[in-house]
Protein backbone atom coordinates (compact mmCIF):
# COMPACT_ATOMS: atom_id res chain seq x y z
CA MET A 1 0.11 0.06 0.34
CA THR A 2 1.65 3.36 -1.02
CA SER A 3 0.09 6.16 1.29
CA ARG A 4 -0.02 10.26 0.58
CA LYS A 5 2.41 10.80 3.34
CA GLN A 6 4.99 8.21 1.31
CA ILE A 7 4.15 10.12 -1.86
CA LEU A 8 4.85 13.55 -0.71
CA ALA A 9 7.99 13.00 1.28
CA ALA A 10 9.25 11.56 -2.44
CA ALA A 11 8.29 14.22 -3.98
CA ARG A 12 10.06 16.52 -1.74
CA VAL A 13 13.25 14.32 -2.42
CA LEU A 14 12.38 15.20 -5.97
CA ILE A 15 12.04 18.73 -5.62
CA ASP A 16 14.99 19.21 -3.46
CA GLU A 17 17.08 17.44 -6.22
CA HIS A 18 15.88 18.77 -9.45
CA GLY A 19 13.92 21.31 -8.48
CA TRP A 20 10.05 21.37 -8.58
CA GLU A 21 9.82 22.28 -12.50
CA LYS A 22 11.19 18.55 -13.01
CA LEU A 23 8.49 17.10 -10.91
CA THR A 24 6.35 14.71 -12.73
CA ILE A 25 4.05 12.33 -11.91
CA ARG A 26 5.57 9.59 -14.11
CA ARG A 27 8.91 10.76 -12.47
CA LEU A 28 7.74 10.05 -9.41
CA ALA A 29 6.55 6.90 -9.90
CA ALA A 30 9.66 5.72 -11.13
CA GLU A 31 11.48 6.82 -8.57
CA MET A 32 8.95 4.84 -6.18
CA GLY A 33 9.07 1.75 -8.38
CA LEU A 34 5.50 2.20 -8.93
CA GLY A 35 2.91 2.95 -11.58
CA SER A 36 1.77 6.20 -12.52
CA THR A 37 -1.51 4.87 -12.48
CA THR A 38 -1.33 4.06 -9.03
CA LEU A 39 -0.28 7.39 -8.20
CA TYR A 40 -2.96 9.13 -10.08
CA THR A 41 -5.31 7.35 -7.60
CA HIS A 42 -3.92 9.17 -4.98
CA VAL A 43 -3.15 12.78 -6.71
CA PRO A 44 -5.09 13.93 -10.13
CA GLY A 45 -1.96 15.53 -11.42
CA LYS A 46 1.51 17.80 -10.89
CA GLU A 47 -0.41 20.75 -9.39
CA ASP A 48 -2.23 18.96 -7.29
CA LEU A 49 0.77 17.33 -5.90
CA LEU A 50 2.47 20.65 -5.68
CA PHE A 51 -0.24 21.97 -3.70
CA LEU A 52 -0.71 19.08 -1.35
CA LEU A 53 3.05 19.57 -0.55
CA ILE A 54 2.35 23.35 -0.18
CA HIS A 55 -0.28 22.58 2.34
CA GLU A 56 1.42 20.31 4.34
CA TYR A 57 4.43 22.97 4.60
CA ALA A 58 2.34 25.87 5.14
CA GLU A 59 0.76 23.80 8.37
CA GLN A 60 4.46 23.92 10.26
CA ILE A 61 5.11 27.93 9.66
CA PRO A 62 4.71 29.08 13.22
CA HIS A 63 2.56 32.02 13.78
CA PRO A 64 3.80 34.75 15.79
CA GLU A 65 2.80 37.02 18.79
CA LEU A 66 0.55 39.57 17.38
CA PRO A 67 1.01 43.31 18.71
CA SER A 68 -2.20 44.98 19.50
CA ARG A 69 -1.60 47.67 16.77
CA PRO A 70 -3.13 47.18 13.14
CA GLN A 71 0.11 47.97 11.46
CA ASP A 72 1.93 46.08 13.67
CA ARG A 73 0.36 43.06 13.31
CA ILE A 74 0.30 43.39 9.32
CA VAL A 75 4.20 43.13 9.44
CA ALA A 76 4.27 40.15 11.95
CA ALA A 77 1.94 37.95 9.96
CA ALA A 78 3.68 39.18 6.44
CA VAL A 79 6.96 38.23 8.26
CA ALA A 80 5.89 34.76 8.95
CA ILE A 81 4.74 34.28 5.65
CA HIS A 82 8.17 35.58 3.93
CA ASP A 83 10.55 33.69 6.61
CA GLY A 84 8.27 30.42 6.15
CA LEU A 85 7.98 30.79 2.44
CA ALA A 86 12.03 31.62 2.13
CA ALA A 87 13.18 28.49 3.89
CA TRP A 88 11.24 26.65 0.43
CA PRO A 89 11.74 29.21 -1.80
CA TRP A 90 10.41 27.08 -4.61
CA ALA A 91 6.71 26.96 -3.29
CA ALA A 92 6.76 30.84 -3.22
CA GLU A 93 7.28 30.52 -7.15
CA VAL A 94 4.41 28.11 -7.26
CA LEU A 95 2.32 30.19 -5.55
CA THR A 96 2.87 33.53 -7.80
CA THR A 97 -0.71 33.13 -9.69
CA ASP A 98 -3.04 35.05 -8.41
CA GLY A 99 -6.06 32.83 -7.33
CA PHE A 100 -4.11 30.44 -5.15
CA ILE A 101 -5.46 31.69 -1.67
CA ALA A 102 -8.08 28.91 -2.32
CA ARG A 103 -5.94 26.34 -2.37
CA LEU A 104 -3.90 26.58 0.94
CA GLY A 105 -5.06 25.54 4.36
CA ASP A 106 -6.61 27.15 7.78
CA SER A 107 -3.25 27.76 9.10
CA PHE A 108 -1.81 29.89 5.88
CA LEU A 109 -5.16 31.55 5.19
CA SER A 110 -5.11 32.17 9.13
CA LEU A 111 -2.48 34.68 8.62
CA VAL A 112 -3.89 35.99 5.43
CA GLU A 113 -6.74 36.86 7.84
CA THR A 114 -4.96 38.59 10.21
CA ILE A 115 -3.46 40.98 7.71
CA LEU A 116 -6.67 41.46 6.29
CA ALA A 117 -7.90 42.22 9.62
CA GLY A 118 -5.44 44.31 10.24
CA VAL A 119 -6.01 46.92 7.31
CA VAL A 120 -10.08 46.73 8.21
CA ASP A 121 -8.55 48.05 11.65
CA ALA A 122 -6.79 50.58 10.64
CA GLY A 123 -9.66 52.08 9.28
CA ARG A 124 -9.50 51.03 5.41
CA THR A 125 -12.44 49.28 3.71
CA PRO A 126 -12.43 45.37 3.10
CA ASP A 127 -11.87 46.13 -0.44
CA ASP A 128 -8.67 47.87 0.27
CA SER A 129 -7.70 44.99 2.52
CA VAL A 130 -7.63 42.68 -0.47
CA ARG A 131 -5.40 45.38 -2.62
CA ILE A 132 -3.55 45.83 -0.04
CA PHE A 133 -2.82 42.57 0.76
CA ARG A 134 -2.18 41.77 -2.66
CA SER A 135 0.57 44.34 -2.65
CA ILE A 136 2.51 43.20 0.13
CA TRP A 137 2.33 39.55 -1.07
CA TYR A 138 3.98 40.74 -4.86
CA TYR A 139 6.69 42.42 -2.43
CA THR A 140 7.37 39.22 -0.22
CA VAL A 141 7.48 36.81 -2.97
CA GLY A 142 9.73 39.56 -5.44
CA GLU A 143 12.17 39.43 -2.51
CA ILE A 144 12.23 35.68 -1.87
CA LEU A 145 12.77 35.19 -5.80
CA VAL A 146 15.48 37.42 -6.19
CA ARG A 147 17.54 36.43 -3.36
CA THR A 148 16.83 32.87 -4.30
CA HIS A 149 17.74 33.20 -7.74
CA THR A 150 20.60 35.41 -6.85
CA ARG A 151 22.15 32.57 -5.00
CA HIS A 152 22.01 30.37 -7.66
CA ARG A 153 23.88 32.49 -10.10
CA GLU A 154 27.16 34.21 -10.46
CA MET A 155 26.25 37.90 -10.71
CA ASP A 156 28.55 41.06 -11.68
CA GLU A 157 27.36 42.49 -8.27
CA ARG A 158 29.32 40.09 -6.31
CA ASP A 159 32.46 41.74 -7.80
CA PRO A 160 32.82 44.94 -6.43
CA ALA A 161 36.19 45.54 -7.91
CA ARG A 162 34.27 44.82 -11.38
CA LEU A 163 31.60 47.01 -10.63
CA ASN A 164 34.15 49.75 -9.72
CA ALA A 165 36.08 49.58 -12.75
CA TYR A 166 33.16 49.52 -14.84
CA PHE A 167 30.84 52.52 -13.13
CA GLY A 168 34.24 54.54 -12.10
CA ASN A 169 36.70 53.95 -14.81
CA ALA A 170 34.90 52.86 -18.16
CA ASP A 171 33.97 55.43 -20.39
CA GLY A 172 33.95 57.96 -17.90
CA GLY A 173 31.36 55.90 -15.85
CA GLN A 174 31.76 58.66 -13.04
CA ALA A 175 30.52 61.10 -15.50
CA ARG A 176 27.92 59.31 -16.92
CA LEU A 177 26.44 57.34 -14.11
CA PRO A 178 28.32 59.33 -10.83
CA HIS A 179 25.98 58.02 -8.58
CA LEU A 180 26.87 54.23 -9.37
CA ALA A 181 30.59 55.15 -9.47
CA ALA A 182 30.17 56.70 -5.83
CA VAL A 183 28.38 52.99 -4.18
CA ALA A 184 30.08 50.74 -7.03
CA ASP A 185 32.74 48.87 -4.37
CA ARG A 186 30.37 48.70 -1.16
CA TRP A 187 26.86 47.58 -3.83
CA GLY A 188 27.19 44.05 -3.89
CA ALA A 189 27.46 44.09 0.44
CA LEU A 190 24.57 46.79 0.34
CA ALA A 191 22.22 44.65 -1.76
CA GLY A 192 22.92 41.74 0.06
CA GLN A 193 21.94 42.94 2.99
CA ASP A 194 18.47 41.86 4.58
CA THR A 195 15.79 44.85 4.59
CA PHE A 196 12.90 43.13 4.08
CA ALA A 197 11.24 44.18 7.47
CA GLN A 198 12.07 47.14 7.42
CA GLY A 199 11.00 47.91 3.95
CA LEU A 200 8.21 46.03 4.93
CA ARG A 201 7.06 48.23 7.50
CA ALA A 202 7.39 51.74 4.99
CA PHE A 203 5.72 49.81 2.33
CA VAL A 204 2.73 48.71 4.97
CA ASP A 205 2.53 52.46 6.25
CA GLY A 206 2.67 53.73 2.74
CA LEU A 207 -0.45 51.63 1.88
CA LEU A 208 -2.86 52.23 4.90
CA ALA A 209 -2.23 55.72 3.72
CA HIS A 210 -2.63 56.11 0.50
CA PRO A 211 -4.16 52.17 -0.73
CA PRO A 212 -4.60 51.00 -4.28
CA GLN A 213 -6.99 52.14 -5.97
CA PRO A 214 -8.48 50.10 -9.38
CA ALA A 215 -7.55 51.06 -12.81
C-alpha cells in the first residue's frame, strides 16, 4: 500500500534534488517503483501534488505573537509568511499565480486573515484589504525569488572590483553614472543586506495611507 505521506516525502526529495519544474507524476512513480496509474489514484496531477506539498508545509509555519497595533499585526503576519516561504523558496514560485488562496489550508489562511483584519482595523475598507494584501504579497514573493535566484547565479554585482572598474573608469563612468560610481565598491554588500522587514514596515505605512485603487 502506498500512502499519501510516502508520496509527499518522495516528491520533496525529487524537488530538493532537481527542482519543482522537473517533478512529474511519471518521474515520481518511477522513483518510487510504482506505476503512474497508482499515483493518479492519490493525486490527480502535478499541480495538485505541488499544492498538497505546500499545504503540508504551510501548516508548520510558526505563527507569531500578534501586537495590538494594526500596522504591527500586518507586518508580523507578513514576516511570518516571508520567513516560512524563504525556507522553501520553490513554494513561493509556485504561488505566483493569483487565485492560489483558495488552495491553501487554515494555518496559512489565518495569516492572510490577520493581514486583512489589520487593514480593516486601521480604518480601511474590506476592498482595500484585498488590494493591500496583494501588494504585500507581490513585495514578499518578489524579495524571496530575487534572493533565491541571486544565490544560484554568478552576478557581476558580487564582484566589487569589477563594478567599480566599470562604473568608475570605463568610458568616463563617473561622469555618465556618478551615483552608481560612488557606491560601486559597496554595491554587493549593500544589496545583500536583509532589509525586508524595514522595507515592509514602510511599505505597509504607505499602503494604509494611500491604498491602491482599481484602474
